[in-house]
Amino acid sequence: MLDNELKILSARIDSLAELSTRLLAENRKLRAQETSLLAERDELQRKNELAKARVEAIILRLKALEAQE
């Protein structure tokens, strides 16, 4: 009986070790994705700010032209 219980316990330990390895790999992959997505978000925010500044400049020029008329 004891031998059988040890085999079962050993199998469970092996299974948990395998699960731990898979979860660590998945965690690394998700962290890399997070880093990539954060960098992409920062770049999009920068581009958005540039576009906003351009639109505001165009609006100011249009108002200036309108005031000249």
N, C-alpha and C. Protein backbone atom coordinates (compact mmCIF):
# COMPACT_ATOMS: atom_id res chain seq x y z
N MET A 1 0.82 -1.19 0.00
CA MET A 1 0.00 0.00 0.00
C MET A 1 0.86 1.26 0.00
N LEU A 2 1.90 1.27 0.82
CA LEU A 2 2.77 2.43 0.93
C LEU A 2 3.48 2.70 -0.39
N ASP A 3 3.90 1.64 -1.07
CA ASP A 3 4.58 1.79 -2.35
C ASP A 3 3.64 2.43 -3.38
N ASN A 4 2.39 2.02 -3.38
CA ASN A 4 1.39 2.57 -4.31
C ASN A 4 1.14 4.06 -4.01
N GLU A 5 1.05 4.39 -2.73
CA GLU A 5 0.84 5.78 -2.34
C GLU A 5 2.02 6.66 -2.75
N LEU A 6 3.23 6.13 -2.62
CA LEU A 6 4.42 6.87 -3.04
C LEU A 6 4.42 7.10 -4.55
N LYS A 7 3.98 6.10 -5.31
CA LYS A 7 3.91 6.25 -6.76
C LYS A 7 2.89 7.33 -7.13
N ILE A 8 1.75 7.30 -6.47
CA ILE A 8 0.71 8.31 -6.73
C ILE A 8 1.23 9.70 -6.38
N LEU A 9 1.88 9.81 -5.23
CA LEU A 9 2.42 11.10 -4.79
C LEU A 9 3.51 11.58 -5.75
N SER A 10 4.34 10.67 -6.19
CA SER A 10 5.40 11.02 -7.14
C SER A 10 4.80 11.51 -8.46
N ALA A 11 3.75 10.84 -8.91
CA ALA A 11 3.08 11.25 -10.15
C ALA A 11 2.47 12.63 -10.00
N ARG A 12 1.87 12.89 -8.85
CA ARG A 12 1.27 14.21 -8.61
C ARG A 12 2.34 15.29 -8.56
N ILE A 13 3.47 14.98 -7.94
CA ILE A 13 4.57 15.94 -7.89
C ILE A 13 5.09 16.23 -9.29
N ASP A 14 5.25 15.19 -10.10
CA ASP A 14 5.69 15.37 -11.48
C ASP A 14 4.70 16.23 -12.27
N SER A 15 3.43 15.96 -12.06
CA SER A 15 2.38 16.72 -12.74
C SER A 15 2.41 18.19 -12.33
N LEU A 16 2.59 18.44 -11.04
CA LEU A 16 2.66 19.82 -10.56
C LEU A 16 3.92 20.53 -11.05
N ALA A 17 5.01 19.80 -11.13
CA ALA A 17 6.25 20.39 -11.66
C ALA A 17 6.08 20.77 -13.13
N GLU A 18 5.42 19.90 -13.89
CA GLU A 18 5.16 20.18 -15.30
C GLU A 18 4.23 21.40 -15.44
N LEU A 19 3.20 21.43 -14.62
CA LEU A 19 2.27 22.57 -14.63
C LEU A 19 3.01 23.86 -14.29
N SER A 20 3.86 23.80 -13.32
CA SER A 20 4.64 24.98 -12.91
C SER A 20 5.51 25.48 -14.06
N THR A 21 6.14 24.55 -14.77
CA THR A 21 6.99 24.91 -15.91
C THR A 21 6.15 25.58 -17.01
N ARG A 22 4.99 25.00 -17.30
CA ARG A 22 4.10 25.58 -18.33
C ARG A 22 3.63 26.97 -17.91
N LEU A 23 3.26 27.12 -16.65
CA LEU A 23 2.77 28.42 -16.18
C LEU A 23 3.87 29.48 -16.19
N LEU A 24 5.09 29.08 -15.86
CA LEU A 24 6.20 30.03 -15.93
C LEU A 24 6.45 30.50 -17.36
N ALA A 25 6.37 29.57 -18.30
CA ALA A 25 6.56 29.92 -19.72
C ALA A 25 5.43 30.84 -20.19
N GLU A 26 4.21 30.52 -19.81
CA GLU A 26 3.07 31.35 -20.18
C GLU A 26 3.20 32.74 -19.56
N ASN A 27 3.64 32.80 -18.32
CA ASN A 27 3.83 34.07 -17.63
C ASN A 27 4.87 34.92 -18.36
N ARG A 28 5.98 34.32 -18.76
CA ARG A 28 7.02 35.04 -19.51
C ARG A 28 6.46 35.59 -20.82
N LYS A 29 5.68 34.75 -21.51
CA LYS A 29 5.09 35.16 -22.78
C LYS A 29 4.13 36.33 -22.57
N LEU A 30 3.30 36.25 -21.54
CA LEU A 30 2.34 37.32 -21.26
C LEU A 30 3.04 38.61 -20.86
N ARG A 31 4.12 38.50 -20.11
CA ARG A 31 4.87 39.70 -19.73
C ARG A 31 5.51 40.36 -20.96
N ALA A 32 5.99 39.53 -21.88
CA ALA A 32 6.57 40.08 -23.11
C ALA A 32 5.48 40.77 -23.94
N GLN A 33 4.30 40.16 -24.01
CA GLN A 33 3.19 40.78 -24.72
C GLN A 33 2.81 42.09 -24.08
N GLU A 34 2.77 42.11 -22.75
CA GLU A 34 2.43 43.33 -22.03
C GLU A 34 3.43 44.44 -22.35
N THR A 35 4.70 44.10 -22.33
CA THR A 35 5.74 45.09 -22.64
C THR A 35 5.55 45.63 -24.05
N SER A 36 5.29 44.74 -24.99
CA SER A 36 5.09 45.15 -26.38
C SER A 36 3.86 46.04 -26.52
N LEU A 37 2.77 45.64 -25.87
CA LEU A 37 1.54 46.42 -25.96
C LEU A 37 1.68 47.79 -25.30
N LEU A 38 2.41 47.85 -24.21
CA LEU A 38 2.63 49.15 -23.55
C LEU A 38 3.46 50.07 -24.44
N ALA A 39 4.45 49.50 -25.11
CA ALA A 39 5.27 50.30 -26.03
C ALA A 39 4.41 50.79 -27.20
N GLU A 40 3.57 49.91 -27.71
CA GLU A 40 2.67 50.30 -28.82
C GLU A 40 1.71 51.39 -28.36
N ARG A 41 1.17 51.25 -27.16
CA ARG A 41 0.26 52.26 -26.62
C ARG A 41 0.96 53.61 -26.50
N ASP A 42 2.18 53.60 -26.00
CA ASP A 42 2.94 54.85 -25.86
C ASP A 42 3.16 55.51 -27.22
N GLU A 43 3.49 54.70 -28.22
CA GLU A 43 3.71 55.22 -29.57
C GLU A 43 2.41 55.81 -30.14
N LEU A 44 1.30 55.11 -29.93
CA LEU A 44 0.02 55.62 -30.42
C LEU A 44 -0.39 56.91 -29.70
N GLN A 45 -0.12 56.98 -28.41
CA GLN A 45 -0.41 58.21 -27.68
C GLN A 45 0.43 59.37 -28.21
N ARG A 46 1.69 59.10 -28.51
CA ARG A 46 2.57 60.14 -29.05
C ARG A 46 2.04 60.62 -30.40
N LYS A 47 1.68 59.67 -31.26
CA LYS A 47 1.14 60.03 -32.58
C LYS A 47 -0.17 60.80 -32.44
N ASN A 48 -0.99 60.40 -31.48
CA ASN A 48 -2.26 61.08 -31.25
C ASN A 48 -2.02 62.54 -30.82
N GLU A 49 -1.04 62.74 -29.96
CA GLU A 49 -0.71 64.10 -29.52
C GLU A 49 -0.21 64.95 -30.69
N LEU A 50 0.60 64.36 -31.56
CA LEU A 50 1.07 65.08 -32.74
C LEU A 50 -0.09 65.46 -33.65
N ALA A 51 -0.99 64.52 -33.88
CA ALA A 51 -2.15 64.80 -34.73
C ALA A 51 -3.03 65.88 -34.10
N LYS A 52 -3.20 65.81 -32.81
CA LYS A 52 -4.00 66.81 -32.09
C LYS A 52 -3.37 68.19 -32.25
N ALA A 53 -2.07 68.28 -32.10
CA ALA A 53 -1.37 69.56 -32.24
C ALA A 53 -1.53 70.10 -33.66
N ARG A 54 -1.45 69.22 -34.65
CA ARG A 54 -1.61 69.66 -36.04
C ARG A 54 -3.02 70.19 -36.30
N VAL A 55 -4.01 69.48 -35.80
CA VAL A 55 -5.40 69.91 -35.97
C VAL A 55 -5.62 71.26 -35.29
N GLU A 56 -5.09 71.41 -34.09
CA GLU A 56 -5.23 72.69 -33.39
C GLU A 56 -4.56 73.82 -34.16
N ALA A 57 -3.40 73.54 -34.76
CA ALA A 57 -2.70 74.55 -35.56
C ALA A 57 -3.53 74.92 -36.79
N ILE A 58 -4.14 73.93 -37.42
CA ILE A 58 -4.99 74.20 -38.59
C ILE A 58 -6.18 75.06 -38.19
N ILE A 59 -6.79 74.74 -37.07
CA ILE A 59 -7.93 75.52 -36.59
C ILE A 59 -7.52 76.96 -36.34
N LEU A 60 -6.37 77.16 -35.71
CA LEU A 60 -5.90 78.52 -35.45
C LEU A 60 -5.65 79.28 -36.76
N ARG A 61 -5.08 78.60 -37.75
CA ARG A 61 -4.86 79.25 -39.06
C ARG A 61 -6.18 79.60 -39.73
N LEU A 62 -7.15 78.71 -39.64
CA LEU A 62 -8.46 78.99 -40.23
C LEU A 62 -9.13 80.18 -39.54
N LYS A 63 -9.02 80.22 -38.22
CA LYS A 63 -9.58 81.37 -37.49
C LYS A 63 -8.88 82.66 -37.87
N ALA A 64 -7.57 82.60 -38.07
CA ALA A 64 -6.82 83.79 -38.45
C ALA A 64 -7.24 84.25 -39.85
N LEU A 65 -7.43 83.31 -40.76
CA LEU A 65 -7.89 83.66 -42.11
C LEU A 65 -9.29 84.26 -42.07
N GLU A 66 -10.12 83.67 -41.23
CA GLU A 66 -11.49 84.16 -41.09
C GLU A 66 -11.49 85.57 -40.53
N ALA A 67 -10.61 85.87 -39.60
CA ALA A 67 -10.53 87.19 -38.99
C ALA A 67 -10.04 88.23 -39.99
N GLN A 68 -9.24 87.82 -40.95
CA GLN A 68 -8.72 88.74 -41.97
C GLN A 68 -9.80 89.18 -42.95
N GLU A 69 -10.81 88.38 -43.09
CA GLU A 69 -11.85 88.70 -44.08
C GLU A 69 -12.77 89.76 -43.63
